[in-house]
Amino acid sequence: MRTGDKGMTQQGKIDRSGAKPASLFERADSVFGLDPRRNGPKVPPVIADLPPVSPALRRPAPPPQMQTHPGPVAAPAPAAEAARPAAAPAPEQAVPRAVEFCGPFASIDREDLRDAGLIVPEDPVTGLLEEFRIVKRELLADARSGRSALARRILVCSPHSGEGKTYCATNLAIALAAERGLEVLLVDADVVRPSITERLGIEATRGLMDALADPSLVPESLVIRTDIAGLFVLPAGTPSARDSEYLASARTAEVLDRLTDGAPDRIVIFDTPPALAASPAAELAQHVGQALLVVRADETSRAALEDAQQLLSACADIKLLLNAARYSPSGRRFGTYGGREN
């Protein structure tokens, strides 16, 4: 630096008038208002007396590692989201509890069963019982494999009257009731010509149609408890001119769900009118998982069978049961074994 320049610099420190020139802070404050001595924040004494932070504590955090594979790099989550607690797991839905049948109690006369040619639980094993054991095994296998209340509802029907549907439905219910830990509800859904209670010698007034017509009635209070272990009966109830409309209403699903939900060991069998004679069979086919179509050997025509299957098509699983057959195409017949006649 030249001497002249240095002299100029030193001379600028004192004004000719003798007044001390403004400092850099004061001149900056007069132009920009930046004097930290006047406008800066006052530091609390406690903080001001703290020792200086060591270089190790002032070291900046390392930058996030970059992904080596191609593709977009995920942005780091904000601090608020990182500190957010994990959402609580959703509460498990309560499993519905099965209703208990609490209707009246009735004793079934065993002599009436024998006179009607039905299975008698206490009697020796007969060929009739063995035949229905075979039928019930297939129905039970499908009911348990489905694991739903719908699969445990079985509709028993026939194309025409006189083909033995009520006879088969009653025998099937008695055979199923012999299973350990199984509850069988036999529903007389033949509201046109109810006959289940008459065959079993049971007196009843109210039943299925009353529960459908009156929402204040709980259906389990109309179910009759019998002295055959595991067998329950729901009568047809009071008939009316609107039976078909009641069966087609949403109330039917409510009643059947109440009888079957939460009861994995409960089978419901419906004895319905003939499919080609009345509409209840087609209406109830929408609420069951299995249908057993009873046809009489040498009497039911192929056309009637196909028409009945079409009317029951709302049920995805329709099985055929040949009734009153005098011979077996395979030659199989239950005979005597172990000193008893089958």
Protein backbone atom coordinates (compact mmCIF):
# COMPACT_ATOMS: atom_id res chain seq x y z
CA MET A 1 0.00 0.00 0.00
CA ARG A 2 1.28 3.47 -0.82
CA THR A 3 2.05 6.03 1.87
CA GLY A 4 -0.37 8.54 0.45
CA ASP A 5 -3.11 6.03 0.56
CA LYS A 6 -2.34 5.18 4.16
CA GLY A 7 -2.48 8.84 5.10
CA MET A 8 -5.84 9.19 3.51
CA THR A 9 -7.08 6.22 5.53
CA GLN A 10 -5.82 7.57 8.82
CA GLN A 11 -7.20 11.00 8.10
CA GLY A 12 -10.67 9.58 7.66
CA LYS A 13 -10.82 8.60 11.30
CA ILE A 14 -11.28 12.22 12.56
CA ASP A 15 -13.50 14.81 10.99
CA ARG A 16 -12.11 18.31 10.38
CA SER A 17 -14.62 19.68 12.80
CA GLY A 18 -13.03 17.52 15.47
CA ALA A 19 -16.13 15.28 15.92
CA LYS A 20 -15.62 11.54 16.01
CA PRO A 21 -17.04 9.98 12.86
CA ALA A 22 -19.86 7.38 13.12
CA SER A 23 -18.83 3.79 13.41
CA LEU A 24 -19.70 1.13 10.86
CA PHE A 25 -22.54 -0.14 13.07
CA GLU A 26 -24.01 3.35 13.43
CA ARG A 27 -23.82 4.11 9.72
CA ALA A 28 -25.43 0.75 8.89
CA ASP A 29 -28.16 1.46 11.40
CA SER A 30 -28.87 4.90 9.90
CA VAL A 31 -29.35 3.40 6.43
CA PHE A 32 -30.77 -0.09 7.03
CA GLY A 33 -31.62 -0.20 10.74
CA LEU A 34 -29.15 -3.04 11.29
CA ASP A 35 -27.40 -2.02 14.49
CA PRO A 36 -27.41 -5.23 16.54
CA ARG A 37 -26.56 -3.33 19.69
CA ARG A 38 -29.90 -1.55 19.61
CA ASN A 39 -32.33 -3.64 17.59
CA GLY A 40 -30.98 -7.14 18.20
CA PRO A 41 -32.66 -9.46 20.69
CA LYS A 42 -31.53 -9.33 24.25
CA VAL A 43 -29.91 -12.58 25.30
CA PRO A 44 -30.90 -13.85 28.71
CA PRO A 45 -27.99 -13.86 31.13
CA VAL A 46 -28.23 -17.58 31.77
CA ILE A 47 -27.86 -18.43 28.10
CA ALA A 48 -25.17 -15.79 27.62
CA ASP A 49 -23.04 -17.34 30.35
CA LEU A 50 -23.08 -20.84 28.82
CA PRO A 51 -19.71 -22.10 27.61
CA PRO A 52 -19.20 -22.27 23.87
CA VAL A 53 -20.41 -25.41 22.12
CA SER A 54 -17.64 -27.78 21.16
CA PRO A 55 -17.02 -28.41 17.48
CA ALA A 56 -18.18 -32.00 17.83
CA LEU A 57 -21.68 -30.88 18.91
CA ARG A 58 -21.88 -28.40 16.04
CA ARG A 59 -21.07 -31.02 13.45
CA PRO A 60 -23.87 -31.17 10.92
CA ALA A 61 -25.81 -34.41 10.52
CA PRO A 62 -24.68 -36.55 7.58
CA PRO A 63 -26.93 -36.33 4.54
CA PRO A 64 -29.32 -39.25 3.94
CA GLN A 65 -27.81 -42.09 1.93
CA MET A 66 -28.84 -42.15 -1.67
CA GLN A 67 -30.36 -45.28 -3.20
CA THR A 68 -27.97 -47.09 -5.46
CA HIS A 69 -30.69 -48.72 -7.56
CA PRO A 70 -32.51 -46.71 -10.21
CA GLY A 71 -35.87 -45.28 -9.35
CA PRO A 72 -37.31 -42.41 -7.33
CA VAL A 73 -35.81 -41.66 -3.94
CA ALA A 74 -38.31 -41.71 -1.11
CA ALA A 75 -38.45 -38.44 0.79
CA PRO A 76 -37.76 -38.68 4.51
CA ALA A 77 -40.89 -38.68 6.63
CA PRO A 78 -41.62 -35.42 8.48
CA ALA A 79 -40.87 -35.39 12.16
CA ALA A 80 -44.57 -35.13 13.00
CA GLU A 81 -45.42 -38.24 11.04
CA ALA A 82 -42.45 -40.15 12.45
CA ALA A 83 -43.56 -39.39 15.99
CA ARG A 84 -47.20 -40.32 15.27
CA PRO A 85 -48.20 -43.43 17.28
CA ALA A 86 -49.24 -46.55 15.41
CA ALA A 87 -52.96 -46.95 14.82
CA ALA A 88 -54.72 -49.27 17.22
CA PRO A 89 -55.91 -52.55 15.68
CA ALA A 90 -59.57 -52.70 14.72
CA PRO A 91 -61.71 -54.45 17.31
CA GLU A 92 -62.82 -57.96 16.38
CA GLN A 93 -66.45 -58.36 15.43
CA ALA A 94 -68.53 -60.16 18.00
CA VAL A 95 -69.53 -63.66 16.97
CA PRO A 96 -73.33 -64.02 17.02
CA ARG A 97 -74.65 -66.28 19.71
CA ALA A 98 -77.16 -68.98 18.81
CA VAL A 99 -80.66 -68.57 20.12
CA GLU A 100 -82.08 -71.35 22.27
CA PHE A 101 -85.36 -72.93 21.30
CA CYS A 102 -87.80 -72.08 24.08
CA GLY A 103 -91.19 -73.16 22.76
CA PRO A 104 -93.52 -75.73 24.31
CA PHE A 105 -92.52 -79.33 24.95
CA ALA A 106 -94.22 -82.31 23.31
CA SER A 107 -93.82 -86.07 23.55
CA ILE A 108 -93.89 -88.10 20.34
CA ASP A 109 -95.77 -91.38 20.45
CA ARG A 110 -93.45 -94.13 19.19
CA GLU A 111 -96.43 -96.24 18.10
CA ASP A 112 -97.53 -93.43 15.80
CA LEU A 113 -94.06 -93.47 14.23
CA ARG A 114 -94.25 -97.22 13.62
CA ASP A 115 -97.74 -97.01 12.18
CA ALA A 116 -96.58 -94.29 9.77
CA GLY A 117 -93.57 -96.36 8.70
CA LEU A 118 -91.13 -93.81 10.14
CA ILE A 119 -87.83 -94.37 11.91
CA VAL A 120 -88.16 -95.04 15.64
CA PRO A 121 -85.01 -93.95 17.49
CA GLU A 122 -85.11 -96.71 20.14
CA ASP A 123 -85.90 -99.58 17.75
CA PRO A 124 -83.27 -101.91 16.27
CA VAL A 125 -81.50 -100.74 13.16
CA THR A 126 -83.56 -101.36 10.03
CA GLY A 127 -82.91 -101.14 6.30
CA LEU A 128 -84.87 -97.89 6.24
CA LEU A 129 -82.55 -96.34 8.81
CA GLU A 130 -79.48 -97.50 6.92
CA GLU A 131 -80.79 -95.95 3.71
CA PHE A 132 -81.29 -92.59 5.40
CA ARG A 133 -77.90 -92.85 7.08
CA ILE A 134 -76.38 -92.90 3.61
CA VAL A 135 -78.47 -89.90 2.56
CA LYS A 136 -77.62 -87.89 5.66
CA ARG A 137 -73.89 -88.54 5.34
CA GLU A 138 -73.71 -86.75 2.01
CA LEU A 139 -75.86 -83.87 3.24
CA LEU A 140 -73.81 -83.49 6.42
CA ALA A 141 -70.52 -83.53 4.50
CA ASP A 142 -71.66 -80.64 2.30
CA ALA A 143 -73.17 -78.77 5.26
CA ARG A 144 -69.93 -78.91 7.23
CA SER A 145 -67.63 -78.21 4.31
CA GLY A 146 -69.57 -75.04 3.46
CA ARG A 147 -68.99 -73.60 6.98
CA SER A 148 -71.96 -71.26 6.57
CA ALA A 149 -75.49 -71.11 7.88
CA LEU A 150 -76.78 -71.37 4.32
CA ALA A 151 -75.18 -74.79 3.78
CA ARG A 152 -76.90 -76.09 6.94
CA ARG A 153 -80.35 -75.32 5.55
CA ILE A 154 -81.81 -78.18 3.51
CA LEU A 155 -85.00 -77.97 1.46
CA VAL A 156 -86.92 -81.20 0.79
CA CYS A 157 -89.30 -80.99 -2.14
CA SER A 158 -90.87 -83.01 -4.96
CA PRO A 159 -92.30 -82.14 -8.37
CA HIS A 160 -95.82 -83.40 -7.57
CA SER A 161 -97.77 -84.46 -4.52
CA GLY A 162 -97.75 -88.09 -3.43
CA GLU A 163 -94.06 -88.65 -4.17
CA GLY A 164 -93.01 -88.97 -0.52
CA LYS A 165 -91.36 -85.65 0.28
CA THR A 166 -92.85 -85.33 3.80
CA TYR A 167 -92.08 -88.97 4.54
CA CYS A 168 -88.44 -88.45 3.49
CA ALA A 169 -88.10 -85.12 5.30
CA THR A 170 -89.36 -86.59 8.59
CA ASN A 171 -87.17 -89.68 8.40
CA LEU A 172 -84.17 -87.58 7.45
CA ALA A 173 -84.72 -85.30 10.46
CA ILE A 174 -84.97 -88.26 12.86
CA ALA A 175 -81.85 -89.86 11.38
CA LEU A 176 -79.89 -86.61 11.65
CA ALA A 177 -81.00 -86.06 15.25
CA ALA A 178 -79.19 -89.28 16.18
CA GLU A 179 -75.86 -87.57 15.48
CA ARG A 180 -74.00 -86.58 18.62
CA GLY A 181 -74.07 -82.89 19.46
CA LEU A 182 -76.35 -82.06 16.51
CA GLU A 183 -79.59 -80.08 16.70
CA VAL A 184 -82.14 -80.68 13.94
CA LEU A 185 -85.00 -78.28 13.32
CA LEU A 186 -87.76 -79.71 11.12
CA VAL A 187 -89.77 -76.84 9.63
CA ASP A 188 -93.20 -77.53 8.18
CA ALA A 189 -93.10 -75.07 5.29
CA ASP A 190 -95.95 -76.76 3.44
CA VAL A 191 -98.38 -74.01 4.35
CA VAL A 192 -100.92 -75.31 1.83
CA ARG A 193 -101.26 -78.80 3.36
CA PRO A 194 -99.23 -78.96 6.61
CA SER A 195 -98.77 -82.50 7.92
CA ILE A 196 -95.55 -82.70 9.96
CA THR A 197 -97.23 -82.15 13.33
CA GLU A 198 -99.99 -84.60 12.43
CA ARG A 199 -97.49 -87.33 11.53
CA LEU A 200 -95.62 -86.81 14.79
CA GLY A 201 -98.78 -86.51 16.90
CA ILE A 202 -98.00 -82.94 17.98
CA GLU A 203 -100.65 -80.30 18.63
CA ALA A 204 -99.68 -76.81 17.55
CA THR A 205 -101.40 -73.60 16.52
CA ARG A 206 -98.73 -71.01 15.78
CA GLY A 207 -95.58 -71.46 13.74
CA LEU A 208 -93.58 -70.22 10.75
CA MET A 209 -96.26 -68.10 9.08
CA ASP A 210 -97.09 -66.37 12.35
CA ALA A 211 -93.44 -65.39 12.82
CA LEU A 212 -93.33 -64.01 9.26
CA ALA A 213 -96.58 -62.07 9.61
CA ASP A 214 -95.83 -60.60 13.06
CA PRO A 215 -92.35 -59.04 13.49
CA SER A 216 -92.88 -58.84 17.25
CA LEU A 217 -92.82 -62.65 17.51
CA VAL A 218 -89.44 -64.28 18.05
CA PRO A 219 -89.37 -67.54 16.05
CA GLU A 220 -87.48 -69.54 18.70
CA SER A 221 -90.47 -69.19 21.04
CA LEU A 222 -92.61 -71.09 18.50
CA VAL A 223 -90.22 -74.05 18.12
CA ILE A 224 -91.52 -77.21 19.79
CA ARG A 225 -89.03 -79.25 21.80
CA THR A 226 -89.57 -83.00 21.54
CA ASP A 227 -88.57 -85.99 23.64
CA ILE A 228 -86.42 -87.26 20.75
CA ALA A 229 -82.97 -85.99 21.65
CA GLY A 230 -81.81 -83.30 19.24
CA LEU A 231 -85.12 -83.03 17.33
CA PHE A 232 -87.12 -79.79 17.23
CA VAL A 233 -90.20 -78.91 15.18
CA LEU A 234 -91.44 -75.55 13.86
CA PRO A 235 -95.07 -75.92 12.72
CA ALA A 236 -96.45 -74.24 9.60
CA GLY A 237 -98.57 -71.84 11.62
CA THR A 238 -101.72 -69.94 10.75
CA PRO A 239 -102.44 -69.94 6.99
CA SER A 240 -103.56 -66.81 5.16
CA ALA A 241 -104.12 -65.52 1.64
CA ARG A 242 -100.74 -63.76 1.72
CA ASP A 243 -98.50 -66.73 2.58
CA SER A 244 -96.53 -66.47 -0.67
CA GLU A 245 -95.93 -62.73 -0.16
CA TYR A 246 -94.75 -63.32 3.40
CA LEU A 247 -92.25 -65.93 2.20
CA ALA A 248 -90.97 -63.54 -0.48
CA SER A 249 -90.44 -60.67 2.01
CA ALA A 250 -87.23 -59.65 3.74
CA ARG A 251 -88.70 -60.93 7.02
CA THR A 252 -88.05 -64.52 5.87
CA ALA A 253 -84.30 -63.94 5.77
CA GLU A 254 -84.41 -62.31 9.22
CA VAL A 255 -86.28 -65.25 10.74
CA LEU A 256 -84.03 -67.90 9.20
CA ASP A 257 -80.85 -66.01 10.13
CA ARG A 258 -82.05 -65.80 13.71
CA LEU A 259 -82.63 -69.55 13.81
CA THR A 260 -79.27 -70.54 12.29
CA ASP A 261 -76.66 -67.82 12.94
CA GLY A 262 -74.06 -68.76 15.52
CA ALA A 263 -75.19 -72.40 15.56
CA PRO A 264 -72.66 -74.48 13.59
CA ASP A 265 -74.17 -77.72 14.94
CA ARG A 266 -77.74 -76.96 13.90
CA ILE A 267 -79.37 -78.33 10.73
CA VAL A 268 -82.66 -76.93 9.44
CA ILE A 269 -84.84 -79.08 7.18
CA PHE A 270 -87.76 -77.53 5.29
CA ASP A 271 -90.67 -79.65 4.11
CA THR A 272 -92.19 -77.55 1.32
CA PRO A 273 -95.18 -77.96 -1.01
CA PRO A 274 -94.56 -79.66 -4.38
CA ALA A 275 -92.55 -77.38 -6.66
CA LEU A 276 -95.02 -77.66 -9.56
CA ALA A 277 -98.08 -77.11 -7.35
CA ALA A 278 -97.26 -74.03 -5.24
CA SER A 279 -94.70 -71.21 -5.04
CA PRO A 280 -93.26 -71.57 -1.48
CA ALA A 281 -90.64 -74.09 -2.62
CA ALA A 282 -89.22 -71.65 -5.19
CA GLU A 283 -89.27 -68.81 -2.65
CA LEU A 284 -87.46 -70.81 0.05
CA ALA A 285 -84.89 -72.10 -2.46
CA GLN A 286 -83.27 -68.65 -2.24
CA HIS A 287 -82.57 -69.15 1.49
CA VAL A 288 -81.07 -72.66 1.53
CA GLY A 289 -77.73 -74.13 0.53
CA GLN A 290 -78.96 -77.62 -0.38
CA ALA A 291 -82.13 -78.97 -1.94
CA LEU A 292 -83.23 -82.60 -1.91
CA LEU A 293 -85.63 -83.30 -4.79
CA VAL A 294 -87.64 -86.44 -4.07
CA VAL A 295 -88.86 -88.32 -7.14
CA ARG A 296 -90.93 -91.50 -7.12
CA ALA A 297 -89.67 -94.48 -9.06
CA ASP A 298 -91.67 -95.31 -12.19
CA GLU A 299 -94.01 -92.32 -11.66
CA THR A 300 -92.14 -89.00 -11.90
CA SER A 301 -91.64 -87.98 -15.53
CA ARG A 302 -88.42 -86.51 -16.86
CA ALA A 303 -90.24 -83.33 -17.92
CA ALA A 304 -91.62 -82.81 -14.39
CA LEU A 305 -88.17 -83.39 -12.93
CA GLU A 306 -86.58 -80.81 -15.23
CA ASP A 307 -89.33 -78.26 -14.51
CA ALA A 308 -88.91 -78.71 -10.76
CA GLN A 309 -85.15 -78.29 -11.05
CA GLN A 310 -85.68 -75.04 -12.94
CA LEU A 311 -88.00 -73.68 -10.25
CA LEU A 312 -85.45 -74.55 -7.54
CA SER A 313 -82.51 -73.12 -9.49
CA ALA A 314 -81.98 -70.38 -6.87
CA CYS A 315 -80.32 -73.15 -4.83
CA ALA A 316 -76.91 -74.00 -6.25
CA ASP A 317 -76.83 -77.59 -4.91
CA ILE A 318 -79.79 -79.80 -5.89
CA LYS A 319 -79.65 -83.51 -5.12
CA LEU A 320 -82.06 -86.23 -6.29
CA LEU A 321 -83.55 -88.87 -4.02
CA LEU A 322 -85.27 -91.86 -5.65
CA ASN A 323 -88.16 -92.98 -3.47
CA ALA A 324 -90.15 -96.24 -3.49
CA ALA A 325 -87.66 -98.06 -5.70
CA ARG A 326 -88.36 -101.80 -5.94
CA TYR A 327 -84.91 -102.67 -7.24
CA SER A 328 -81.37 -101.35 -7.24
CA PRO A 329 -79.49 -101.07 -10.56
CA SER A 330 -76.30 -102.18 -8.79
CA GLY A 331 -78.00 -105.05 -6.99
CA ARG A 332 -77.25 -103.49 -3.57
CA ARG A 333 -79.74 -104.29 -0.85
CA PHE A 334 -79.58 -104.17 2.93
CA GLY A 335 -80.25 -107.67 4.20
CA THR A 336 -79.43 -109.57 7.38
CA TYR A 337 -76.18 -109.09 9.24
CA GLY A 338 -75.28 -110.14 12.78
CA GLY A 339 -78.67 -111.71 13.43
CA ARG A 340 -80.67 -108.63 12.46
CA GLU A 341 -82.64 -107.84 9.35
CA ASN A 342 -81.78 -104.60 7.57
